[in-house]
Amino acid sequence: MKSIQELEAIRKKTLESINLRKDTEGTRIVVGMATCGIAAGARPVLTAFMDEAAKRNLQHVVVAQTGCIGVCRLEPIVEVYQPGKEKVTYVKVTPDMVGKIVTEHIVNGNPVTGYTIGYYEAHSK
């Protein structure tokens, strides 16, 4: 059993984490984690983004999950939201793609066009 002080510390840490998720000033990386996403491999993708953000100590980046994004055939799907910019949707994301997305897009501000839904749809026909 945990002490009252330990429980209060856990509560405080959790509330701070929730407040970070509400931060609209930073970058949000959202991974589709509905059944279709999980079946396509979204869980390792989510973990890879969390690990990469932690490894690089990215302060204004929140990695979150959501339900169905609506294009199941392109899962795992990751959406990147940055203040003042259009949402970027990456499709068929694998853990191996995460490092490049973080380096090029999140850190340097240049979306990885070859991984986006627009590129995929234009070149898959």
N, C-alpha and C. Protein backbone atom coordinates (compact mmCIF):
# COMPACT_ATOMS: atom_id res chain seq x y z
N MET A 1 0.84 -1.18 0.00
CA MET A 1 0.00 0.00 0.00
C MET A 1 0.88 1.24 0.00
N LYS A 2 0.49 2.20 -0.76
CA LYS A 2 1.26 3.44 -0.86
C LYS A 2 0.81 4.42 0.22
N SER A 3 1.73 5.28 0.62
CA SER A 3 1.40 6.30 1.62
C SER A 3 0.61 7.43 0.96
N ILE A 4 0.01 8.26 1.78
CA ILE A 4 -0.74 9.41 1.27
C ILE A 4 0.19 10.32 0.46
N GLN A 5 1.42 10.51 0.93
CA GLN A 5 2.38 11.36 0.23
C GLN A 5 2.73 10.79 -1.15
N GLU A 6 2.91 9.46 -1.23
CA GLU A 6 3.21 8.83 -2.51
C GLU A 6 2.04 8.97 -3.47
N LEU A 7 0.84 8.77 -2.96
CA LEU A 7 -0.35 8.91 -3.80
C LEU A 7 -0.52 10.35 -4.27
N GLU A 8 -0.24 11.31 -3.42
CA GLU A 8 -0.34 12.73 -3.80
C GLU A 8 0.69 13.06 -4.88
N ALA A 9 1.90 12.51 -4.77
CA ALA A 9 2.93 12.74 -5.78
C ALA A 9 2.51 12.16 -7.13
N ILE A 10 1.91 10.98 -7.11
CA ILE A 10 1.42 10.35 -8.34
C ILE A 10 0.31 11.21 -8.94
N ARG A 11 -0.60 11.69 -8.09
CA ARG A 11 -1.70 12.54 -8.55
C ARG A 11 -1.16 13.80 -9.21
N LYS A 12 -0.20 14.45 -8.57
CA LYS A 12 0.38 15.69 -9.09
C LYS A 12 1.05 15.45 -10.44
N LYS A 13 1.82 14.37 -10.54
CA LYS A 13 2.51 14.05 -11.80
C LYS A 13 1.49 13.78 -12.92
N THR A 14 0.43 13.07 -12.60
CA THR A 14 -0.61 12.77 -13.59
C THR A 14 -1.30 14.04 -14.05
N LEU A 15 -1.64 14.93 -13.13
CA LEU A 15 -2.29 16.19 -13.50
C LEU A 15 -1.39 17.04 -14.37
N GLU A 16 -0.09 17.07 -14.09
CA GLU A 16 0.84 17.81 -14.93
C GLU A 16 0.88 17.22 -16.34
N SER A 17 0.83 15.90 -16.43
CA SER A 17 0.83 15.24 -17.73
C SER A 17 -0.43 15.58 -18.51
N ILE A 18 -1.57 15.62 -17.83
CA ILE A 18 -2.83 15.97 -18.49
C ILE A 18 -2.77 17.41 -18.99
N ASN A 19 -2.23 18.30 -18.18
CA ASN A 19 -2.11 19.70 -18.59
C ASN A 19 -1.20 19.84 -19.80
N LEU A 20 -0.14 19.03 -19.90
CA LEU A 20 0.73 19.07 -21.06
C LEU A 20 -0.04 18.72 -22.33
N ARG A 21 -0.95 17.77 -22.23
CA ARG A 21 -1.72 17.36 -23.39
C ARG A 21 -2.63 18.46 -23.89
N LYS A 22 -2.99 19.39 -23.03
CA LYS A 22 -3.85 20.49 -23.41
C LYS A 22 -3.08 21.67 -23.99
N ASP A 23 -1.74 21.59 -23.97
CA ASP A 23 -0.90 22.68 -24.44
C ASP A 23 -1.09 22.85 -25.95
N THR A 24 -1.70 23.97 -26.34
CA THR A 24 -1.96 24.21 -27.76
C THR A 24 -0.80 24.94 -28.42
N GLU A 25 0.21 25.30 -27.66
CA GLU A 25 1.34 26.05 -28.21
C GLU A 25 2.38 25.13 -28.83
N GLY A 26 2.39 23.89 -28.45
CA GLY A 26 3.41 22.97 -28.94
C GLY A 26 2.92 22.08 -30.06
N THR A 27 3.77 21.16 -30.41
CA THR A 27 3.47 20.19 -31.46
C THR A 27 2.77 18.99 -30.85
N ARG A 28 1.73 18.51 -31.53
CA ARG A 28 1.04 17.29 -31.10
C ARG A 28 1.24 16.23 -32.17
N ILE A 29 1.70 15.07 -31.75
CA ILE A 29 1.84 13.91 -32.63
C ILE A 29 0.77 12.93 -32.17
N VAL A 30 -0.19 12.66 -33.06
CA VAL A 30 -1.35 11.84 -32.69
C VAL A 30 -1.34 10.55 -33.52
N VAL A 31 -1.32 9.43 -32.81
CA VAL A 31 -1.28 8.12 -33.46
C VAL A 31 -2.66 7.48 -33.36
N GLY A 32 -3.20 7.02 -34.49
CA GLY A 32 -4.48 6.33 -34.52
C GLY A 32 -4.36 4.97 -33.86
N MET A 33 -5.10 4.79 -32.76
CA MET A 33 -5.00 3.55 -31.99
C MET A 33 -6.33 2.83 -31.87
N ALA A 34 -7.15 2.92 -32.91
CA ALA A 34 -8.37 2.10 -32.93
C ALA A 34 -7.95 0.66 -33.26
N THR A 35 -8.89 -0.23 -33.29
CA THR A 35 -8.59 -1.64 -33.57
C THR A 35 -7.83 -1.80 -34.87
N CYS A 36 -8.22 -1.05 -35.89
CA CYS A 36 -7.55 -1.17 -37.19
C CYS A 36 -6.10 -0.72 -37.10
N GLY A 37 -5.84 0.37 -36.40
CA GLY A 37 -4.48 0.86 -36.23
C GLY A 37 -3.62 -0.11 -35.44
N ILE A 38 -4.17 -0.61 -34.35
CA ILE A 38 -3.42 -1.56 -33.52
C ILE A 38 -3.09 -2.82 -34.33
N ALA A 39 -4.07 -3.31 -35.08
CA ALA A 39 -3.85 -4.51 -35.89
C ALA A 39 -2.77 -4.28 -36.96
N ALA A 40 -2.66 -3.05 -37.43
CA ALA A 40 -1.68 -2.73 -38.48
C ALA A 40 -0.30 -2.40 -37.91
N GLY A 41 -0.19 -2.30 -36.58
CA GLY A 41 1.12 -2.07 -35.97
C GLY A 41 1.30 -0.70 -35.34
N ALA A 42 0.22 -0.04 -34.94
CA ALA A 42 0.32 1.31 -34.38
C ALA A 42 0.98 1.35 -33.00
N ARG A 43 0.84 0.29 -32.21
CA ARG A 43 1.41 0.33 -30.86
C ARG A 43 2.93 0.54 -30.87
N PRO A 44 3.70 -0.21 -31.67
CA PRO A 44 5.15 0.05 -31.73
C PRO A 44 5.47 1.44 -32.30
N VAL A 45 4.62 1.95 -33.16
CA VAL A 45 4.81 3.30 -33.72
C VAL A 45 4.64 4.34 -32.61
N LEU A 46 3.59 4.20 -31.82
CA LEU A 46 3.35 5.10 -30.70
C LEU A 46 4.53 5.07 -29.73
N THR A 47 4.98 3.88 -29.40
CA THR A 47 6.12 3.72 -28.50
C THR A 47 7.38 4.36 -29.07
N ALA A 48 7.60 4.19 -30.37
CA ALA A 48 8.79 4.77 -31.02
C ALA A 48 8.75 6.30 -30.95
N PHE A 49 7.58 6.91 -31.17
CA PHE A 49 7.47 8.36 -31.07
C PHE A 49 7.72 8.83 -29.63
N MET A 50 7.18 8.13 -28.65
CA MET A 50 7.39 8.50 -27.25
C MET A 50 8.86 8.37 -26.89
N ASP A 51 9.50 7.29 -27.32
CA ASP A 51 10.92 7.08 -27.03
C ASP A 51 11.78 8.16 -27.69
N GLU A 52 11.48 8.48 -28.94
CA GLU A 52 12.26 9.48 -29.68
C GLU A 52 12.11 10.86 -29.06
N ALA A 53 10.89 11.22 -28.67
CA ALA A 53 10.67 12.52 -28.02
C ALA A 53 11.40 12.60 -26.69
N ALA A 54 11.39 11.51 -25.93
CA ALA A 54 12.08 11.48 -24.65
C ALA A 54 13.60 11.52 -24.84
N LYS A 55 14.09 10.75 -25.80
CA LYS A 55 15.53 10.69 -26.07
C LYS A 55 16.08 12.07 -26.46
N ARG A 56 15.29 12.80 -27.23
CA ARG A 56 15.72 14.12 -27.69
C ARG A 56 15.33 15.24 -26.71
N ASN A 57 14.61 14.85 -25.65
CA ASN A 57 14.16 15.81 -24.64
C ASN A 57 13.36 16.95 -25.29
N LEU A 58 12.44 16.60 -26.16
CA LEU A 58 11.63 17.61 -26.85
C LEU A 58 10.58 18.15 -25.88
N GLN A 59 10.71 19.40 -25.51
CA GLN A 59 9.90 20.02 -24.46
C GLN A 59 8.46 20.34 -24.88
N HIS A 60 8.27 20.83 -26.09
CA HIS A 60 6.94 21.26 -26.51
C HIS A 60 6.31 20.29 -27.50
N VAL A 61 6.57 19.01 -27.28
CA VAL A 61 6.01 17.97 -28.13
C VAL A 61 5.22 17.00 -27.26
N VAL A 62 3.97 16.78 -27.65
CA VAL A 62 3.12 15.83 -26.94
C VAL A 62 2.79 14.70 -27.89
N VAL A 63 3.02 13.49 -27.45
CA VAL A 63 2.64 12.31 -28.23
C VAL A 63 1.36 11.77 -27.59
N ALA A 64 0.31 11.65 -28.41
CA ALA A 64 -0.99 11.21 -27.91
C ALA A 64 -1.56 10.15 -28.84
N GLN A 65 -2.64 9.56 -28.39
CA GLN A 65 -3.33 8.58 -29.23
C GLN A 65 -4.78 9.00 -29.40
N THR A 66 -5.37 8.50 -30.46
CA THR A 66 -6.77 8.79 -30.73
C THR A 66 -7.42 7.51 -31.26
N GLY A 67 -8.70 7.57 -31.47
CA GLY A 67 -9.43 6.43 -32.03
C GLY A 67 -9.25 6.39 -33.53
N CYS A 68 -10.26 5.92 -34.19
CA CYS A 68 -10.21 5.74 -35.64
C CYS A 68 -10.09 7.09 -36.36
N ILE A 69 -9.14 7.16 -37.28
CA ILE A 69 -8.96 8.38 -38.07
C ILE A 69 -9.80 8.31 -39.33
N GLY A 70 -10.18 7.10 -39.75
CA GLY A 70 -11.15 6.97 -40.83
C GLY A 70 -10.63 6.40 -42.14
N VAL A 71 -9.36 6.10 -42.24
CA VAL A 71 -8.83 5.54 -43.47
C VAL A 71 -8.07 4.25 -43.11
N CYS A 72 -8.82 3.26 -42.70
CA CYS A 72 -8.24 2.03 -42.13
C CYS A 72 -7.21 1.37 -43.03
N ARG A 73 -7.38 1.45 -44.32
CA ARG A 73 -6.46 0.79 -45.24
C ARG A 73 -5.07 1.41 -45.25
N LEU A 74 -4.94 2.61 -44.64
CA LEU A 74 -3.64 3.30 -44.62
C LEU A 74 -2.99 3.29 -43.24
N GLU A 75 -3.54 2.52 -42.31
CA GLU A 75 -2.97 2.44 -40.96
C GLU A 75 -1.62 1.75 -40.99
N PRO A 76 -0.80 2.06 -40.02
CA PRO A 76 -0.90 3.04 -38.96
C PRO A 76 -0.81 4.47 -39.50
N ILE A 77 -1.68 5.32 -38.97
CA ILE A 77 -1.74 6.73 -39.37
C ILE A 77 -1.27 7.58 -38.21
N VAL A 78 -0.48 8.60 -38.54
CA VAL A 78 0.02 9.56 -37.55
C VAL A 78 -0.28 10.96 -38.08
N GLU A 79 -0.89 11.78 -37.24
CA GLU A 79 -1.16 13.16 -37.61
C GLU A 79 -0.28 14.08 -36.77
N VAL A 80 0.31 15.08 -37.42
CA VAL A 80 1.16 16.04 -36.72
C VAL A 80 0.50 17.41 -36.81
N TYR A 81 0.25 17.99 -35.65
CA TYR A 81 -0.35 19.32 -35.54
C TYR A 81 0.69 20.27 -34.98
N GLN A 82 0.95 21.36 -35.71
CA GLN A 82 1.86 22.40 -35.24
C GLN A 82 1.14 23.74 -35.34
N PRO A 83 1.32 24.60 -34.34
CA PRO A 83 0.64 25.89 -34.35
C PRO A 83 0.93 26.68 -35.63
N GLY A 84 -0.14 27.20 -36.23
CA GLY A 84 -0.01 28.03 -37.41
C GLY A 84 0.28 27.30 -38.70
N LYS A 85 0.27 25.96 -38.66
CA LYS A 85 0.55 25.17 -39.86
C LYS A 85 -0.58 24.18 -40.10
N GLU A 86 -0.69 23.73 -41.35
CA GLU A 86 -1.68 22.71 -41.66
C GLU A 86 -1.28 21.37 -41.05
N LYS A 87 -2.29 20.59 -40.71
CA LYS A 87 -2.05 19.23 -40.20
C LYS A 87 -1.36 18.42 -41.28
N VAL A 88 -0.42 17.57 -40.87
CA VAL A 88 0.25 16.66 -41.80
C VAL A 88 -0.12 15.25 -41.38
N THR A 89 -0.59 14.46 -42.36
CA THR A 89 -1.01 13.09 -42.08
C THR A 89 -0.04 12.12 -42.74
N TYR A 90 0.61 11.31 -41.90
CA TYR A 90 1.52 10.27 -42.38
C TYR A 90 0.78 8.94 -42.37
N VAL A 91 1.03 8.12 -43.39
CA VAL A 91 0.31 6.85 -43.52
C VAL A 91 1.29 5.68 -43.61
N LYS A 92 0.76 4.50 -43.24
CA LYS A 92 1.53 3.26 -43.27
C LYS A 92 2.87 3.45 -42.55
N VAL A 93 2.78 4.10 -41.38
CA VAL A 93 3.97 4.43 -40.60
C VAL A 93 4.50 3.19 -39.89
N THR A 94 5.81 3.04 -39.93
CA THR A 94 6.48 1.96 -39.20
C THR A 94 7.43 2.60 -38.18
N PRO A 95 7.84 1.84 -37.18
CA PRO A 95 8.80 2.39 -36.22
C PRO A 95 10.09 2.89 -36.88
N ASP A 96 10.50 2.28 -37.98
CA ASP A 96 11.71 2.71 -38.69
C ASP A 96 11.58 4.10 -39.31
N MET A 97 10.36 4.55 -39.56
CA MET A 97 10.12 5.86 -40.15
C MET A 97 10.14 6.99 -39.12
N VAL A 98 9.96 6.64 -37.86
CA VAL A 98 9.77 7.63 -36.81
C VAL A 98 10.97 8.57 -36.66
N GLY A 99 12.17 8.06 -36.66
CA GLY A 99 13.36 8.90 -36.50
C GLY A 99 13.43 9.98 -37.56
N LYS A 100 13.15 9.61 -38.79
CA LYS A 100 13.19 10.59 -39.89
C LYS A 100 12.09 11.63 -39.74
N ILE A 101 10.89 11.20 -39.35
CA ILE A 101 9.78 12.14 -39.16
C ILE A 101 10.13 13.14 -38.06
N VAL A 102 10.67 12.64 -36.96
CA VAL A 102 11.02 13.54 -35.85
C VAL A 102 12.13 14.50 -36.27
N THR A 103 13.18 13.98 -36.90
CA THR A 103 14.30 14.83 -37.29
C THR A 103 13.89 15.87 -38.32
N GLU A 104 13.30 15.40 -39.41
CA GLU A 104 12.97 16.30 -40.51
C GLU A 104 11.80 17.24 -40.19
N HIS A 105 10.72 16.67 -39.67
CA HIS A 105 9.50 17.45 -39.50
C HIS A 105 9.44 18.14 -38.14
N ILE A 106 9.53 17.38 -37.08
CA ILE A 106 9.32 17.94 -35.75
C ILE A 106 10.46 18.90 -35.37
N VAL A 107 11.70 18.49 -35.60
CA VAL A 107 12.85 19.32 -35.21
C VAL A 107 13.14 20.40 -36.25
N ASN A 108 13.18 20.03 -37.54
CA ASN A 108 13.60 20.97 -38.58
C ASN A 108 12.45 21.65 -39.32
N GLY A 109 11.21 21.23 -39.09
CA GLY A 109 10.06 21.90 -39.69
C GLY A 109 9.75 21.57 -41.13
N ASN A 110 10.32 20.47 -41.64
CA ASN A 110 10.09 20.08 -43.03
C ASN A 110 9.39 18.73 -43.08
N PRO A 111 8.09 18.70 -43.37
CA PRO A 111 7.39 17.42 -43.44
C PRO A 111 8.07 16.45 -44.42
N VAL A 112 8.01 15.18 -44.09
CA VAL A 112 8.58 14.14 -44.95
C VAL A 112 7.51 13.78 -45.97
N THR A 113 7.53 14.48 -47.08
CA THR A 113 6.47 14.39 -48.09
C THR A 113 6.23 12.96 -48.57
N GLY A 114 7.27 12.18 -48.72
CA GLY A 114 7.14 10.81 -49.22
C GLY A 114 6.36 9.87 -48.31
N TYR A 115 6.14 10.27 -47.07
CA TYR A 115 5.39 9.46 -46.12
C TYR A 115 3.96 9.94 -45.93
N THR A 116 3.57 11.01 -46.60
CA THR A 116 2.26 11.62 -46.36
C THR A 116 1.15 10.96 -47.17
N ILE A 117 -0.07 11.21 -46.73
CA ILE A 117 -1.23 10.63 -47.40
C ILE A 117 -1.34 11.13 -48.84
N GLY A 118 -1.04 12.40 -49.10
CA GLY A 118 -1.13 12.94 -50.45
C GLY A 118 -0.16 12.26 -51.40
N TYR A 119 1.06 12.05 -50.95
CA TYR A 119 2.07 11.39 -51.76
C TYR A 119 1.66 9.95 -52.02
N TYR A 120 1.24 9.26 -50.95
CA TYR A 120 0.85 7.85 -51.08
C TYR A 120 -0.30 7.69 -52.08
N GLU A 121 -1.31 8.52 -51.94
CA GLU A 121 -2.49 8.41 -52.82
C GLU A 121 -2.10 8.72 -54.28
N ALA A 122 -1.21 9.67 -54.50
CA ALA A 122 -0.80 10.03 -55.87
C ALA A 122 0.07 8.96 -56.52
N HIS A 123 0.81 8.20 -55.72
CA HIS A 123 1.76 7.25 -56.27
C HIS A 123 1.36 5.78 -56.13
N SER A 124 0.18 5.51 -55.59
CA SER A 124 -0.21 4.11 -55.39
C SER A 124 -1.13 3.60 -56.48
N LYS A 125 -1.40 4.38 -57.45
CA LYS A 125 -2.33 3.95 -58.50
C LYS A 125 -1.62 3.31 -59.65
